[in-house]
Amino acid sequence: MQYKHQLESNKKFILTALAKTLKELRGSESQFQFSNKSDVSIDIISKCERGLKDPQLTTLYKLAEGVDMTLTEFVAKIEQNIPLGISLIEK
């Protein structure tokens, strides 16, 4: 039970890191503008920016393209906002 709670907590850290990164990279561009540019719905962008959505890989790819980054660069940027030692698997 304790481990399951820790996994959910760690998942929240990761989704929060995505939210922070996406907001930073989108900058002053509106969600509507970014939605059009990245071909991702405003609803998904909004949920990602609030840490409520765990997007699919293809969505992450589109978000990365929307901020003129490769998927590798985008994920690296997200990882900078994740505390060290976070894991989603039991070790």
C-alpha atoms as a PDB file:
ATOM      1  CA  MET A   1       0.000   0.000   0.000  1.00  0.00           C
ATOM      2  CA  GLN A   2       2.797   2.407   0.937  1.00  0.00           C
ATOM      3  CA  TYR A   3       4.603   1.641  -2.326  1.00  0.00           C
ATOM      4  CA  LYS A   4       1.478   2.327  -4.423  1.00  0.00           C
ATOM      5  CA  HIS A   5       1.095   5.693  -2.682  1.00  0.00           C
ATOM      6  CA  GLN A   6       4.761   6.469  -3.459  1.00  0.00           C
ATOM      7  CA  LEU A   7       4.248   5.608  -7.133  1.00  0.00           C
ATOM      8  CA  GLU A   8       1.281   7.982  -7.383  1.00  0.00           C
ATOM      9  CA  SER A   9       3.313  10.688  -5.670  1.00  0.00           C
ATOM     10  CA  ASN A  10       6.203  10.154  -8.084  1.00  0.00           C
ATOM     11  CA  LYS A  11       3.832  10.250 -11.061  1.00  0.00           C
ATOM     12  CA  LYS A  12       2.533  13.587  -9.787  1.00  0.00           C
ATOM     13  CA  PHE A  13       6.125  14.930  -9.661  1.00  0.00           C
ATOM     14  CA  ILE A  14       6.575  13.982 -13.319  1.00  0.00           C
ATOM     15  CA  LEU A  15       3.264  15.470 -14.462  1.00  0.00           C
ATOM     16  CA  THR A  16       4.032  18.652 -12.515  1.00  0.00           C
ATOM     17  CA  ALA A  17       7.419  18.850 -14.250  1.00  0.00           C
ATOM     18  CA  LEU A  18       5.694  18.532 -17.625  1.00  0.00           C
ATOM     19  CA  ALA A  19       3.226  21.265 -16.628  1.00  0.00           C
ATOM     20  CA  LYS A  20       5.969  23.662 -15.542  1.00  0.00           C
ATOM     21  CA  THR A  21       8.080  22.982 -18.627  1.00  0.00           C
ATOM     22  CA  LEU A  22       5.196  23.390 -21.059  1.00  0.00           C
ATOM     23  CA  LYS A  23       4.100  26.686 -19.506  1.00  0.00           C
ATOM     24  CA  GLU A  24       7.675  28.002 -19.584  1.00  0.00           C
ATOM     25  CA  LEU A  25       8.269  27.008 -23.198  1.00  0.00           C
ATOM     26  CA  ARG A  26       4.887  28.247 -24.435  1.00  0.00           C
ATOM     27  CA  GLY A  27       5.711  31.636 -22.919  1.00  0.00           C
ATOM     28  CA  SER A  28       3.263  34.408 -23.715  1.00  0.00           C
ATOM     29  CA  GLU A  29       1.671  32.475 -26.561  1.00  0.00           C
ATOM     30  CA  SER A  30      -1.972  31.686 -25.780  1.00  0.00           C
ATOM     31  CA  GLN A  31      -3.151  28.111 -25.412  1.00  0.00           C
ATOM     32  CA  PHE A  32      -5.298  28.696 -28.502  1.00  0.00           C
ATOM     33  CA  GLN A  33      -2.293  29.796 -30.582  1.00  0.00           C
ATOM     34  CA  PHE A  34      -0.182  26.945 -29.265  1.00  0.00           C
ATOM     35  CA  SER A  35      -2.994  24.487 -29.941  1.00  0.00           C
ATOM     36  CA  ASN A  36      -3.112  25.533 -33.586  1.00  0.00           C
ATOM     37  CA  LYS A  37       0.672  25.429 -33.931  1.00  0.00           C
ATOM     38  CA  SER A  38       1.137  22.031 -32.256  1.00  0.00           C
ATOM     39  CA  ASP A  39      -2.062  20.345 -33.492  1.00  0.00           C
ATOM     40  CA  VAL A  40      -2.990  19.408 -29.904  1.00  0.00           C
ATOM     41  CA  SER A  41      -6.405  20.325 -28.508  1.00  0.00           C
ATOM     42  CA  ILE A  42      -6.704  23.199 -26.056  1.00  0.00           C
ATOM     43  CA  ASP A  43      -8.296  20.765 -23.591  1.00  0.00           C
ATOM     44  CA  ILE A  44      -5.233  18.507 -23.606  1.00  0.00           C
ATOM     45  CA  ILE A  45      -2.832  21.462 -23.365  1.00  0.00           C
ATOM     46  CA  SER A  46      -4.815  22.867 -20.442  1.00  0.00           C
ATOM     47  CA  LYS A  47      -4.857  19.511 -18.637  1.00  0.00           C
ATOM     48  CA  CYS A  48      -1.133  19.008 -19.231  1.00  0.00           C
ATOM     49  CA  GLU A  49      -0.388  22.481 -17.894  1.00  0.00           C
ATOM     50  CA  ARG A  50      -2.381  21.706 -14.752  1.00  0.00           C
ATOM     51  CA  GLY A  51      -0.677  18.348 -14.231  1.00  0.00           C
ATOM     52  CA  LEU A  52      -3.906  16.446 -14.867  1.00  0.00           C
ATOM     53  CA  LYS A  53      -3.015  14.679 -18.115  1.00  0.00           C
ATOM     54  CA  ASP A  54      -0.467  11.969 -18.809  1.00  0.00           C
ATOM     55  CA  PRO A  55      -0.120  12.498 -22.564  1.00  0.00           C
ATOM     56  CA  GLN A  56       0.616   9.826 -25.146  1.00  0.00           C
ATOM     57  CA  LEU A  57       4.025   9.708 -26.786  1.00  0.00           C
ATOM     58  CA  THR A  58       2.636  11.113 -30.037  1.00  0.00           C
ATOM     59  CA  THR A  59       1.159  14.058 -28.115  1.00  0.00           C
ATOM     60  CA  LEU A  60       4.516  14.737 -26.442  1.00  0.00           C
ATOM     61  CA  TYR A  61       6.082  14.682 -29.905  1.00  0.00           C
ATOM     62  CA  LYS A  62       3.582  17.290 -31.134  1.00  0.00           C
ATOM     63  CA  LEU A  63       4.119  19.465 -28.047  1.00  0.00           C
ATOM     64  CA  ALA A  64       7.868  19.332 -28.644  1.00  0.00           C
ATOM     65  CA  GLU A  65       7.412  20.328 -32.278  1.00  0.00           C
ATOM     66  CA  GLY A  66       5.130  23.154 -31.133  1.00  0.00           C
ATOM     67  CA  VAL A  67       7.998  24.682 -29.167  1.00  0.00           C
ATOM     68  CA  ASP A  68      10.518  23.993 -31.967  1.00  0.00           C
ATOM     69  CA  MET A  69      12.330  21.211 -30.110  1.00  0.00           C
ATOM     70  CA  THR A  70      13.037  17.584 -30.768  1.00  0.00           C
ATOM     71  CA  LEU A  71      11.342  15.078 -28.511  1.00  0.00           C
ATOM     72  CA  THR A  72      14.733  14.361 -26.923  1.00  0.00           C
ATOM     73  CA  GLU A  73      15.310  18.045 -26.134  1.00  0.00           C
ATOM     74  CA  PHE A  74      11.763  18.415 -24.783  1.00  0.00           C
ATOM     75  CA  VAL A  75      12.047  15.406 -22.481  1.00  0.00           C
ATOM     76  CA  ALA A  76      15.479  16.573 -21.288  1.00  0.00           C
ATOM     77  CA  LYS A  77      13.921  19.925 -20.384  1.00  0.00           C
ATOM     78  CA  ILE A  78      11.144  18.161 -18.449  1.00  0.00           C
ATOM     79  CA  GLU A  79      13.719  16.023 -16.643  1.00  0.00           C
ATOM     80  CA  GLN A  80      15.422  19.183 -15.360  1.00  0.00           C
ATOM     81  CA  ASN A  81      12.247  19.843 -13.334  1.00  0.00           C
ATOM     82  CA  ILE A  82      12.006  16.317 -11.869  1.00  0.00           C
ATOM     83  CA  PRO A  83      13.701  15.691  -8.510  1.00  0.00           C
ATOM     84  CA  LEU A  84      16.543  13.163  -8.584  1.00  0.00           C
ATOM     85  CA  GLY A  85      15.671   9.632  -7.561  1.00  0.00           C
ATOM     86  CA  ILE A  86      12.104   9.657  -8.846  1.00  0.00           C
ATOM     87  CA  SER A  87      11.080   6.253 -10.187  1.00  0.00           C
ATOM     88  CA  LEU A  88       7.836   4.687 -11.355  1.00  0.00           C
ATOM     89  CA  ILE A  89       8.984   1.097 -10.966  1.00  0.00           C
ATOM     90  CA  GLU A  90       9.731  -0.933  -7.864  1.00  0.00           C
ATOM     91  CA  LYS A  91      13.447  -1.485  -7.445  1.00  0.00           C
END
